[in-house]
Amino acid sequence: MEGIQSSCVLSFYYSRLRHRPPEIPFPSLPPPPPSKLRHRASLKTRTSLPSMALQVRDQQSFHKSKEMLPKIDKSGRFCSPRAARELALLIVYAACLQGSDPIRLFEKRINAAREPGYEFDKDSLLRYNHMSFGGPPVATQSVEEADELLRCDEQDSAIEAEVLSAPPKLVYSKLILSFTRKLLVATTDKWDSHVLVIDKVVPSNWKNEPAGRILELSILHLAMSEITVLGTRHPIVINEAVDLAKRFCDGAAPRVINGCLRTFVKDHAGTNRAQTSKSKQEVPLEV
């Protein structure tokens, strides 16, 4: 196995991306899906049309997820496994865009020299929210309330951009960086075999438009590799994969990813039972 760069020829989607030049030196995860921004950006218009039937949620419910802060260790760095999965997704996504090996890209980013005068505000880690998901349209009672929600959204986006683009050693604990590397190694090693599996379980429209599904397919690769190689319990992995899809993907992606992974787990368990049964039958009898 020579990594994703060599295996991309066998991939039903990566082969279309390998010659695509990166737009920036290190691509970051995309901003929230357009549908989420569209719902929020149109709040002023919606409040001026009271006759429209909108789903109403109060501001406290809207910000409920923001109460769940990330776990920070004594050194002031992320120590939550979710942070490792986010970082791994960032690296795999960038590797797909650049046509590079994710392990080398990870090491390059870890060891990259800081820009002169760069300062990182560690308080942003406390304000960063791993559980920030988009939701249905929100109706507000006034333009002022709509402006406040938009201001909060812009502030959250700025914090997210600062954290995800910062040098990893300033953001993640050593344990999380080690876990991230294990995820990337597992994903790279299993890339070829999981391409074939993914080709069977994903919807046809994902295969027809692979360039628009880089994130979704990367989430599937990471989740499948964590289950098969690292041995993490599949309910945990599926839940984490769905949450990543809610944060960074759009439309029905969370539901599709959930279904794909459950099908994968079921087939994987059946294959393991068949192999175990076969190995027992092949044990030679003692004479």
C-alpha atoms as a PDB file:
ATOM      1  CA  MET A   1       0.000   0.000   0.000  1.00  0.00           C
ATOM      2  CA  GLU A   2       1.609   3.229  -1.116  1.00  0.00           C
ATOM      3  CA  GLY A   3      -0.984   5.539   0.353  1.00  0.00           C
ATOM      4  CA  ILE A   4      -3.886   7.439  -1.066  1.00  0.00           C
ATOM      5  CA  GLN A   5      -1.838   9.034  -3.836  1.00  0.00           C
ATOM      6  CA  SER A   6      -1.144   5.661  -5.479  1.00  0.00           C
ATOM      7  CA  SER A   7      -4.520   4.141  -4.701  1.00  0.00           C
ATOM      8  CA  CYS A   8      -6.441   7.039  -6.179  1.00  0.00           C
ATOM      9  CA  VAL A   9      -6.304   5.360  -9.589  1.00  0.00           C
ATOM     10  CA  LEU A  10      -8.604   2.648  -8.240  1.00  0.00           C
ATOM     11  CA  SER A  11     -10.960   5.064  -6.525  1.00  0.00           C
ATOM     12  CA  PHE A  12     -14.199   5.833  -8.262  1.00  0.00           C
ATOM     13  CA  TYR A  13     -14.004   9.472  -7.231  1.00  0.00           C
ATOM     14  CA  TYR A  14     -10.409  10.292  -6.358  1.00  0.00           C
ATOM     15  CA  SER A  15      -9.176   9.644  -9.894  1.00  0.00           C
ATOM     16  CA  ARG A  16     -11.174  12.677 -10.981  1.00  0.00           C
ATOM     17  CA  LEU A  17      -9.524  14.865  -8.365  1.00  0.00           C
ATOM     18  CA  ARG A  18      -5.846  13.903  -8.561  1.00  0.00           C
ATOM     19  CA  HIS A  19      -5.013  16.518 -11.215  1.00  0.00           C
ATOM     20  CA  ARG A  20      -7.057  19.282  -9.631  1.00  0.00           C
ATOM     21  CA  PRO A  21      -4.693  22.044  -8.440  1.00  0.00           C
ATOM     22  CA  PRO A  22      -5.301  23.229  -4.888  1.00  0.00           C
ATOM     23  CA  GLU A  23      -6.709  26.703  -4.622  1.00  0.00           C
ATOM     24  CA  ILE A  24      -4.731  27.464  -1.456  1.00  0.00           C
ATOM     25  CA  PRO A  25      -1.616  25.884   0.097  1.00  0.00           C
ATOM     26  CA  PHE A  26      -3.582  23.973   2.726  1.00  0.00           C
ATOM     27  CA  PRO A  27      -7.306  23.654   2.020  1.00  0.00           C
ATOM     28  CA  SER A  28      -9.491  23.983   5.070  1.00  0.00           C
ATOM     29  CA  LEU A  29     -12.837  22.419   5.718  1.00  0.00           C
ATOM     30  CA  PRO A  30     -15.588  24.271   3.888  1.00  0.00           C
ATOM     31  CA  PRO A  31     -17.846  26.741   5.687  1.00  0.00           C
ATOM     32  CA  PRO A  32     -21.288  25.635   6.860  1.00  0.00           C
ATOM     33  CA  PRO A  33     -23.454  24.326   4.016  1.00  0.00           C
ATOM     34  CA  PRO A  34     -25.210  26.979   1.900  1.00  0.00           C
ATOM     35  CA  SER A  35     -28.638  25.894   3.094  1.00  0.00           C
ATOM     36  CA  LYS A  36     -27.745  26.714   6.696  1.00  0.00           C
ATOM     37  CA  LEU A  37     -26.335  30.115   5.763  1.00  0.00           C
ATOM     38  CA  ARG A  38     -29.273  30.808   3.492  1.00  0.00           C
ATOM     39  CA  HIS A  39     -31.729  30.166   6.314  1.00  0.00           C
ATOM     40  CA  ARG A  40     -29.855  32.457   8.648  1.00  0.00           C
ATOM     41  CA  ALA A  41     -29.029  35.185   6.120  1.00  0.00           C
ATOM     42  CA  SER A  42     -32.685  35.529   5.219  1.00  0.00           C
ATOM     43  CA  LEU A  43     -33.863  36.134   8.762  1.00  0.00           C
ATOM     44  CA  LYS A  44     -34.553  39.830   8.167  1.00  0.00           C
ATOM     45  CA  THR A  45     -36.702  39.091   5.143  1.00  0.00           C
ATOM     46  CA  ARG A  46     -38.575  36.376   6.952  1.00  0.00           C
ATOM     47  CA  THR A  47     -39.392  38.593   9.927  1.00  0.00           C
ATOM     48  CA  SER A  48     -40.853  41.208   7.604  1.00  0.00           C
ATOM     49  CA  LEU A  49     -43.286  38.643   6.163  1.00  0.00           C
ATOM     50  CA  PRO A  50     -45.481  37.563   9.097  1.00  0.00           C
ATOM     51  CA  SER A  51     -47.870  35.680   6.815  1.00  0.00           C
ATOM     52  CA  MET A  52     -45.217  33.051   6.029  1.00  0.00           C
ATOM     53  CA  ALA A  53     -45.547  29.820   8.029  1.00  0.00           C
ATOM     54  CA  LEU A  54     -42.167  29.321   9.712  1.00  0.00           C
ATOM     55  CA  GLN A  55     -40.958  26.874  12.277  1.00  0.00           C
ATOM     56  CA  VAL A  56     -40.431  28.857  15.460  1.00  0.00           C
ATOM     57  CA  ARG A  57     -37.729  28.054  17.937  1.00  0.00           C
ATOM     58  CA  ASP A  58     -36.800  30.334  20.776  1.00  0.00           C
ATOM     59  CA  GLN A  59     -33.288  31.694  21.074  1.00  0.00           C
ATOM     60  CA  GLN A  60     -32.461  29.509  24.068  1.00  0.00           C
ATOM     61  CA  SER A  61     -33.262  26.351  22.106  1.00  0.00           C
ATOM     62  CA  PHE A  62     -31.363  27.677  19.083  1.00  0.00           C
ATOM     63  CA  HIS A  63     -28.189  28.047  21.130  1.00  0.00           C
ATOM     64  CA  LYS A  64     -28.667  24.901  23.230  1.00  0.00           C
ATOM     65  CA  SER A  65     -25.789  23.077  21.533  1.00  0.00           C
ATOM     66  CA  LYS A  66     -23.411  25.919  22.357  1.00  0.00           C
ATOM     67  CA  GLU A  67     -23.573  25.002  26.034  1.00  0.00           C
ATOM     68  CA  MET A  68     -21.584  21.825  25.262  1.00  0.00           C
ATOM     69  CA  LEU A  69     -18.008  23.075  25.279  1.00  0.00           C
ATOM     70  CA  PRO A  70     -15.034  21.027  24.081  1.00  0.00           C
ATOM     71  CA  LYS A  71     -12.864  19.212  26.593  1.00  0.00           C
ATOM     72  CA  ILE A  72      -9.653  21.076  27.391  1.00  0.00           C
ATOM     73  CA  ASP A  73      -6.716  19.521  29.253  1.00  0.00           C
ATOM     74  CA  LYS A  74      -4.477  21.190  31.815  1.00  0.00           C
ATOM     75  CA  SER A  75      -2.237  22.606  29.093  1.00  0.00           C
ATOM     76  CA  GLY A  76      -5.208  24.382  27.554  1.00  0.00           C
ATOM     77  CA  ARG A  77      -5.454  22.129  24.480  1.00  0.00           C
ATOM     78  CA  PHE A  78      -8.201  19.944  23.060  1.00  0.00           C
ATOM     79  CA  CYS A  79      -8.221  16.459  24.568  1.00  0.00           C
ATOM     80  CA  SER A  80     -11.514  15.170  23.151  1.00  0.00           C
ATOM     81  CA  PRO A  81     -11.535  12.309  20.597  1.00  0.00           C
ATOM     82  CA  ARG A  82     -13.995  14.363  18.567  1.00  0.00           C
ATOM     83  CA  ALA A  83     -11.262  16.947  18.043  1.00  0.00           C
ATOM     84  CA  ALA A  84      -9.010  14.181  16.672  1.00  0.00           C
ATOM     85  CA  ARG A  85     -11.688  13.085  14.210  1.00  0.00           C
ATOM     86  CA  GLU A  86     -12.219  16.664  13.059  1.00  0.00           C
ATOM     87  CA  LEU A  87      -8.487  17.106  12.501  1.00  0.00           C
ATOM     88  CA  ALA A  88      -8.249  13.784  10.643  1.00  0.00           C
ATOM     89  CA  LEU A  89     -11.132  14.835   8.389  1.00  0.00           C
ATOM     90  CA  LEU A  90      -9.376  18.137   7.694  1.00  0.00           C
ATOM     91  CA  ILE A  91      -6.204  16.299   6.659  1.00  0.00           C
ATOM     92  CA  VAL A  92      -7.957  13.707   4.455  1.00  0.00           C
ATOM     93  CA  TYR A  93     -10.029  16.426   2.789  1.00  0.00           C
ATOM     94  CA  ALA A  94      -6.908  18.454   2.028  1.00  0.00           C
ATOM     95  CA  ALA A  95      -5.070  15.356   0.793  1.00  0.00           C
ATOM     96  CA  CYS A  96      -7.892  14.600  -1.650  1.00  0.00           C
ATOM     97  CA  LEU A  97      -7.789  18.123  -3.034  1.00  0.00           C
ATOM     98  CA  GLN A  98      -4.017  18.152  -3.363  1.00  0.00           C
ATOM     99  CA  GLY A  99      -3.492  14.566  -4.489  1.00  0.00           C
ATOM    100  CA  SER A 100      -1.037  14.002  -1.646  1.00  0.00           C
ATOM    101  CA  ASP A 101      -0.501  11.394   1.048  1.00  0.00           C
ATOM    102  CA  PRO A 102      -2.407  12.283   4.247  1.00  0.00           C
ATOM    103  CA  ILE A 103       0.338  11.031   6.567  1.00  0.00           C
ATOM    104  CA  ARG A 104       2.946  13.241   4.929  1.00  0.00           C
ATOM    105  CA  LEU A 105       0.519  16.154   4.873  1.00  0.00           C
ATOM    106  CA  PHE A 106      -0.198  15.643   8.573  1.00  0.00           C
ATOM    107  CA  GLU A 107       3.507  15.560   9.444  1.00  0.00           C
ATOM    108  CA  LYS A 108       4.138  18.600   7.277  1.00  0.00           C
ATOM    109  CA  ARG A 109       1.462  20.551   9.043  1.00  0.00           C
ATOM    110  CA  ILE A 110       2.611  19.430  12.475  1.00  0.00           C
ATOM    111  CA  ASN A 111       6.202  20.512  11.790  1.00  0.00           C
ATOM    112  CA  ALA A 112       5.431  23.674   9.830  1.00  0.00           C
ATOM    113  CA  ALA A 113       7.204  26.773  11.106  1.00  0.00           C
ATOM    114  CA  ARG A 114       5.001  29.491  12.509  1.00  0.00           C
ATOM    115  CA  GLU A 115       4.747  32.739  10.634  1.00  0.00           C
ATOM    116  CA  PRO A 116       6.721  35.608  12.191  1.00  0.00           C
ATOM    117  CA  GLY A 117       4.612  37.463  14.709  1.00  0.00           C
ATOM    118  CA  TYR A 118       1.878  34.816  14.768  1.00  0.00           C
ATOM    119  CA  GLU A 119      -0.078  34.667  18.016  1.00  0.00           C
ATOM    120  CA  PHE A 120      -2.859  32.244  18.876  1.00  0.00           C
ATOM    121  CA  ASP A 121      -5.600  33.192  21.307  1.00  0.00           C
ATOM    122  CA  LYS A 122      -6.184  30.106  23.464  1.00  0.00           C
ATOM    123  CA  ASP A 123      -9.433  31.574  24.710  1.00  0.00           C
ATOM    124  CA  SER A 124     -10.866  30.719  21.295  1.00  0.00           C
ATOM    125  CA  LEU A 125     -10.614  27.034  22.245  1.00  0.00           C
ATOM    126  CA  LEU A 126     -13.052  27.610  25.096  1.00  0.00           C
ATOM    127  CA  ARG A 127     -15.449  29.364  22.743  1.00  0.00           C
ATOM    128  CA  TYR A 128     -15.124  26.725  20.013  1.00  0.00           C
ATOM    129  CA  ASN A 129     -18.102  24.390  19.804  1.00  0.00           C
ATOM    130  CA  HIS A 130     -17.701  20.862  18.402  1.00  0.00           C
ATOM    131  CA  MET A 131     -21.467  20.412  18.625  1.00  0.00           C
ATOM    132  CA  SER A 132     -22.550  23.385  16.546  1.00  0.00           C
ATOM    133  CA  PHE A 133     -25.053  22.091  14.017  1.00  0.00           C
ATOM    134  CA  GLY A 134     -27.265  23.862  11.546  1.00  0.00           C
ATOM    135  CA  GLY A 135     -30.993  23.557  11.932  1.00  0.00           C
ATOM    136  CA  PRO A 136     -34.300  24.501  10.350  1.00  0.00           C
ATOM    137  CA  PRO A 137     -35.181  28.139   9.591  1.00  0.00           C
ATOM    138  CA  VAL A 138     -35.563  30.329  12.652  1.00  0.00           C
ATOM    139  CA  ALA A 139     -38.283  32.945  13.034  1.00  0.00           C
ATOM    140  CA  THR A 140     -37.453  36.047  15.038  1.00  0.00           C
ATOM    141  CA  GLN A 141     -39.697  38.631  16.619  1.00  0.00           C
ATOM    142  CA  SER A 142     -37.682  41.660  15.505  1.00  0.00           C
ATOM    143  CA  VAL A 143     -34.953  42.800  13.163  1.00  0.00           C
ATOM    144  CA  GLU A 144     -32.732  43.412  16.191  1.00  0.00           C
ATOM    145  CA  GLU A 145     -33.042  39.768  17.238  1.00  0.00           C
ATOM    146  CA  ALA A 146     -32.232  38.671  13.697  1.00  0.00           C
ATOM    147  CA  ASP A 147     -29.147  40.911  13.680  1.00  0.00           C
ATOM    148  CA  GLU A 148     -28.017  39.400  16.984  1.00  0.00           C
ATOM    149  CA  LEU A 149     -28.332  35.840  15.638  1.00  0.00           C
ATOM    150  CA  LEU A 150     -26.391  36.791  12.516  1.00  0.00           C
ATOM    151  CA  ARG A 151     -23.704  38.418  14.648  1.00  0.00           C
ATOM    152  CA  CYS A 152     -23.382  35.239  16.743  1.00  0.00           C
ATOM    153  CA  ASP A 153     -23.123  33.124  13.595  1.00  0.00           C
ATOM    154  CA  GLU A 154     -20.362  35.334  12.192  1.00  0.00           C
ATOM    155  CA  GLN A 155     -18.489  35.231  15.498  1.00  0.00           C
ATOM    156  CA  ASP A 156     -18.731  31.429  15.680  1.00  0.00           C
ATOM    157  CA  SER A 157     -17.484  31.117  12.083  1.00  0.00           C
ATOM    158  CA  ALA A 158     -14.489  33.339  12.846  1.00  0.00           C
ATOM    159  CA  ILE A 159     -13.591  31.267  15.924  1.00  0.00           C
ATOM    160  CA  GLU A 160     -13.905  28.023  13.950  1.00  0.00           C
ATOM    161  CA  ALA A 161     -11.690  29.351  11.159  1.00  0.00           C
ATOM    162  CA  GLU A 162      -9.045  30.508  13.653  1.00  0.00           C
ATOM    163  CA  VAL A 163      -8.952  27.168  15.493  1.00  0.00           C
ATOM    164  CA  LEU A 164      -8.900  24.902  12.430  1.00  0.00           C
ATOM    165  CA  SER A 165      -6.174  26.930  10.714  1.00  0.00           C
ATOM    166  CA  ALA A 166      -3.915  27.279  13.777  1.00  0.00           C
ATOM    167  CA  PRO A 167      -0.738  25.170  14.214  1.00  0.00           C
ATOM    168  CA  PRO A 168      -1.975  21.795  15.584  1.00  0.00           C
ATOM    169  CA  LYS A 169       0.536  21.711  18.433  1.00  0.00           C
ATOM    170  CA  LEU A 170      -1.092  24.843  19.867  1.00  0.00           C
ATOM    171  CA  VAL A 171      -4.603  23.414  19.614  1.00  0.00           C
ATOM    172  CA  TYR A 172      -4.445  19.655  20.267  1.00  0.00           C
ATOM    173  CA  SER A 173      -2.869  17.652  23.074  1.00  0.00           C
ATOM    174  CA  LYS A 174      -0.169  15.073  22.320  1.00  0.00           C
ATOM    175  CA  LEU A 175      -2.662  12.283  22.943  1.00  0.00           C
ATOM    176  CA  ILE A 176      -5.088  13.736  20.380  1.00  0.00           C
ATOM    177  CA  LEU A 177      -2.341  14.227  17.798  1.00  0.00           C
ATOM    178  CA  SER A 178      -1.286  10.602  18.324  1.00  0.00           C
ATOM    179  CA  PHE A 179      -4.869   9.394  17.903  1.00  0.00           C
ATOM    180  CA  THR A 180      -5.241  11.500  14.767  1.00  0.00           C
ATOM    181  CA  ARG A 181      -2.160   9.922  13.249  1.00  0.00           C
ATOM    182  CA  LYS A 182      -3.481   6.439  14.023  1.00  0.00           C
ATOM    183  CA  LEU A 183      -6.738   7.326  12.256  1.00  0.00           C
ATOM    184  CA  LEU A 184      -4.865   8.577   9.214  1.00  0.00           C
ATOM    185  CA  VAL A 185      -2.610   5.516   9.063  1.00  0.00           C
ATOM    186  CA  ALA A 186      -5.618   3.211   9.323  1.00  0.00           C
ATOM    187  CA  THR A 187      -7.479   5.152   6.636  1.00  0.00           C
ATOM    188  CA  THR A 188      -4.496   5.080   4.291  1.00  0.00           C
ATOM    189  CA  ASP A 189      -3.908   1.371   4.773  1.00  0.00           C
ATOM    190  CA  LYS A 190      -7.562   0.488   4.171  1.00  0.00           C
ATOM    191  CA  TRP A 191      -8.215   3.001   1.405  1.00  0.00           C
ATOM    192  CA  ASP A 192      -8.153   0.575  -1.547  1.00  0.00           C
ATOM    193  CA  SER A 193     -10.372  -2.049   0.049  1.00  0.00           C
ATOM    194  CA  HIS A 194     -12.843   0.474   1.432  1.00  0.00           C
ATOM    195  CA  VAL A 195     -13.194   2.154  -1.958  1.00  0.00           C
ATOM    196  CA  LEU A 196     -14.796  -1.046  -3.227  1.00  0.00           C
ATOM    197  CA  VAL A 197     -17.069  -1.263  -0.190  1.00  0.00           C
ATOM    198  CA  ILE A 198     -18.131   2.369  -0.428  1.00  0.00           C
ATOM    199  CA  ASP A 199     -18.888   1.918  -4.108  1.00  0.00           C
ATOM    200  CA  LYS A 200     -21.518  -0.651  -3.128  1.00  0.00           C
ATOM    201  CA  VAL A 201     -23.240   1.218  -0.301  1.00  0.00           C
ATOM    202  CA  VAL A 202     -23.391   4.879  -1.376  1.00  0.00           C
ATOM    203  CA  PRO A 203     -26.227   6.303  -3.503  1.00  0.00           C
ATOM    204  CA  SER A 204     -25.700   6.479  -7.252  1.00  0.00           C
ATOM    205  CA  ASN A 205     -25.860  10.283  -7.288  1.00  0.00           C
ATOM    206  CA  TRP A 206     -22.818  10.403  -4.988  1.00  0.00           C
ATOM    207  CA  LYS A 207     -20.857   8.306  -7.476  1.00  0.00           C
ATOM    208  CA  ASN A 208     -22.059  10.420 -10.379  1.00  0.00           C
ATOM    209  CA  GLU A 209     -20.866  13.636  -8.717  1.00  0.00           C
ATOM    210  CA  PRO A 210     -17.823  12.551  -6.672  1.00  0.00           C
ATOM    211  CA  ALA A 211     -16.136  15.963  -6.681  1.00  0.00           C
ATOM    212  CA  GLY A 212     -19.074  17.351  -4.726  1.00  0.00           C
ATOM    213  CA  ARG A 213     -18.930  14.558  -2.144  1.00  0.00           C
ATOM    214  CA  ILE A 214     -15.311  14.669  -1.032  1.00  0.00           C
ATOM    215  CA  LEU A 215     -16.219  15.381   2.581  1.00  0.00           C
ATOM    216  CA  GLU A 216     -18.919  12.734   2.774  1.00  0.00           C
ATOM    217  CA  LEU A 217     -16.668  10.055   1.276  1.00  0.00           C
ATOM    218  CA  SER A 218     -13.783  11.084   3.535  1.00  0.00           C
ATOM    219  CA  ILE A 219     -16.039  10.698   6.589  1.00  0.00           C
ATOM    220  CA  LEU A 220     -16.972   7.191   5.429  1.00  0.00           C
ATOM    221  CA  HIS A 221     -13.318   6.225   4.940  1.00  0.00           C
ATOM    222  CA  LEU A 222     -12.346   7.491   8.392  1.00  0.00           C
ATOM    223  CA  ALA A 223     -15.277   5.792  10.129  1.00  0.00           C
ATOM    224  CA  MET A 224     -14.836   2.439   8.389  1.00  0.00           C
ATOM    225  CA  SER A 225     -11.117   2.422   9.151  1.00  0.00           C
ATOM    226  CA  GLU A 226     -11.662   3.287  12.811  1.00  0.00           C
ATOM    227  CA  ILE A 227     -14.089   0.379  13.139  1.00  0.00           C
ATOM    228  CA  THR A 228     -12.001  -2.229  11.318  1.00  0.00           C
ATOM    229  CA  VAL A 229      -8.467  -1.222  12.334  1.00  0.00           C
ATOM    230  CA  LEU A 230      -8.672   0.626  15.643  1.00  0.00           C
ATOM    231  CA  GLY A 231     -11.570  -1.473  16.929  1.00  0.00           C
ATOM    232  CA  THR A 232     -13.656   1.400  18.271  1.00  0.00           C
ATOM    233  CA  ARG A 233     -17.223   0.290  19.014  1.00  0.00           C
ATOM    234  CA  HIS A 234     -19.321   0.968  15.948  1.00  0.00           C
ATOM    235  CA  PRO A 235     -22.183   2.854  17.734  1.00  0.00           C
ATOM    236  CA  ILE A 236     -19.630   5.460  18.857  1.00  0.00           C
ATOM    237  CA  VAL A 237     -18.027   5.738  15.425  1.00  0.00           C
ATOM    238  CA  ILE A 238     -21.357   6.009  13.599  1.00  0.00           C
ATOM    239  CA  ASN A 239     -22.568   8.697  15.988  1.00  0.00           C
ATOM    240  CA  GLU A 240     -19.354  10.682  15.541  1.00  0.00           C
ATOM    241  CA  ALA A 241     -19.481  10.318  11.738  1.00  0.00           C
ATOM    242  CA  VAL A 242     -23.085  11.536  11.637  1.00  0.00           C
ATOM    243  CA  ASP A 243     -22.202  14.527  13.810  1.00  0.00           C
ATOM    244  CA  LEU A 244     -19.304  15.415  11.485  1.00  0.00           C
ATOM    245  CA  ALA A 245     -21.703  15.249   8.560  1.00  0.00           C
ATOM    246  CA  LYS A 246     -24.150  17.526  10.388  1.00  0.00           C
ATOM    247  CA  ARG A 247     -21.387  20.066  10.958  1.00  0.00           C
ATOM    248  CA  PHE A 248     -19.661  20.133   7.605  1.00  0.00           C
ATOM    249  CA  CYS A 249     -21.991  18.559   5.015  1.00  0.00           C
ATOM    250  CA  ASP A 250     -25.353  19.484   3.608  1.00  0.00           C
ATOM    251  CA  GLY A 251     -28.726  17.995   2.793  1.00  0.00           C
ATOM    252  CA  ALA A 252     -29.332  14.343   3.531  1.00  0.00           C
ATOM    253  CA  ALA A 253     -25.645  13.531   4.080  1.00  0.00           C
ATOM    254  CA  PRO A 254     -25.992  12.661   7.813  1.00  0.00           C
ATOM    255  CA  ARG A 255     -28.847  10.257   7.119  1.00  0.00           C
ATOM    256  CA  VAL A 256     -27.068   8.657   4.139  1.00  0.00           C
ATOM    257  CA  ILE A 257     -23.809   8.262   6.060  1.00  0.00           C
ATOM    258  CA  ASN A 258     -25.685   6.669   8.939  1.00  0.00           C
ATOM    259  CA  GLY A 259     -27.295   4.155   6.587  1.00  0.00           C
ATOM    260  CA  CYS A 260     -24.045   3.399   4.745  1.00  0.00           C
ATOM    261  CA  LEU A 261     -22.136   2.730   7.953  1.00  0.00           C
ATOM    262  CA  ARG A 262     -24.855   0.520   9.421  1.00  0.00           C
ATOM    263  CA  THR A 263     -24.871  -1.528   6.229  1.00  0.00           C
ATOM    264  CA  PHE A 264     -21.081  -1.716   6.375  1.00  0.00           C
ATOM    265  CA  VAL A 265     -21.105  -2.859  10.020  1.00  0.00           C
ATOM    266  CA  LYS A 266     -23.707  -5.535   9.273  1.00  0.00           C
ATOM    267  CA  ASP A 267     -21.752  -6.872   6.276  1.00  0.00           C
ATOM    268  CA  HIS A 268     -18.468  -6.656   8.175  1.00  0.00           C
ATOM    269  CA  ALA A 269     -19.880  -8.633  11.103  1.00  0.00           C
ATOM    270  CA  GLY A 270     -21.243 -11.270   8.706  1.00  0.00           C
ATOM    271  CA  THR A 271     -17.877 -11.568   6.977  1.00  0.00           C
ATOM    272  CA  ASN A 272     -16.072 -12.001  10.300  1.00  0.00           C
ATOM    273  CA  ARG A 273     -18.471 -14.750  11.384  1.00  0.00           C
ATOM    274  CA  ALA A 274     -18.013 -16.546   8.077  1.00  0.00           C
ATOM    275  CA  GLN A 275     -14.228 -16.336   8.351  1.00  0.00           C
ATOM    276  CA  THR A 276     -14.299 -17.584  11.934  1.00  0.00           C
ATOM    277  CA  SER A 277     -16.510 -20.509  10.981  1.00  0.00           C
ATOM    278  CA  LYS A 278     -14.269 -21.379   8.047  1.00  0.00           C
ATOM    279  CA  SER A 279     -11.099 -21.241  10.141  1.00  0.00           C
ATOM    280  CA  LYS A 280     -12.637 -23.610  12.707  1.00  0.00           C
ATOM    281  CA  GLN A 281     -13.536 -26.069   9.973  1.00  0.00           C
ATOM    282  CA  GLU A 282      -9.992 -25.968   8.574  1.00  0.00           C
ATOM    283  CA  VAL A 283      -8.300 -26.823  11.901  1.00  0.00           C
ATOM    284  CA  PRO A 284      -6.579 -30.187  11.339  1.00  0.00           C
ATOM    285  CA  LEU A 285      -7.659 -33.018  13.597  1.00  0.00           C
ATOM    286  CA  GLU A 286      -5.040 -34.516  15.861  1.00  0.00           C
ATOM    287  CA  VAL A 287      -4.298 -38.173  15.092  1.00  0.00           C
END
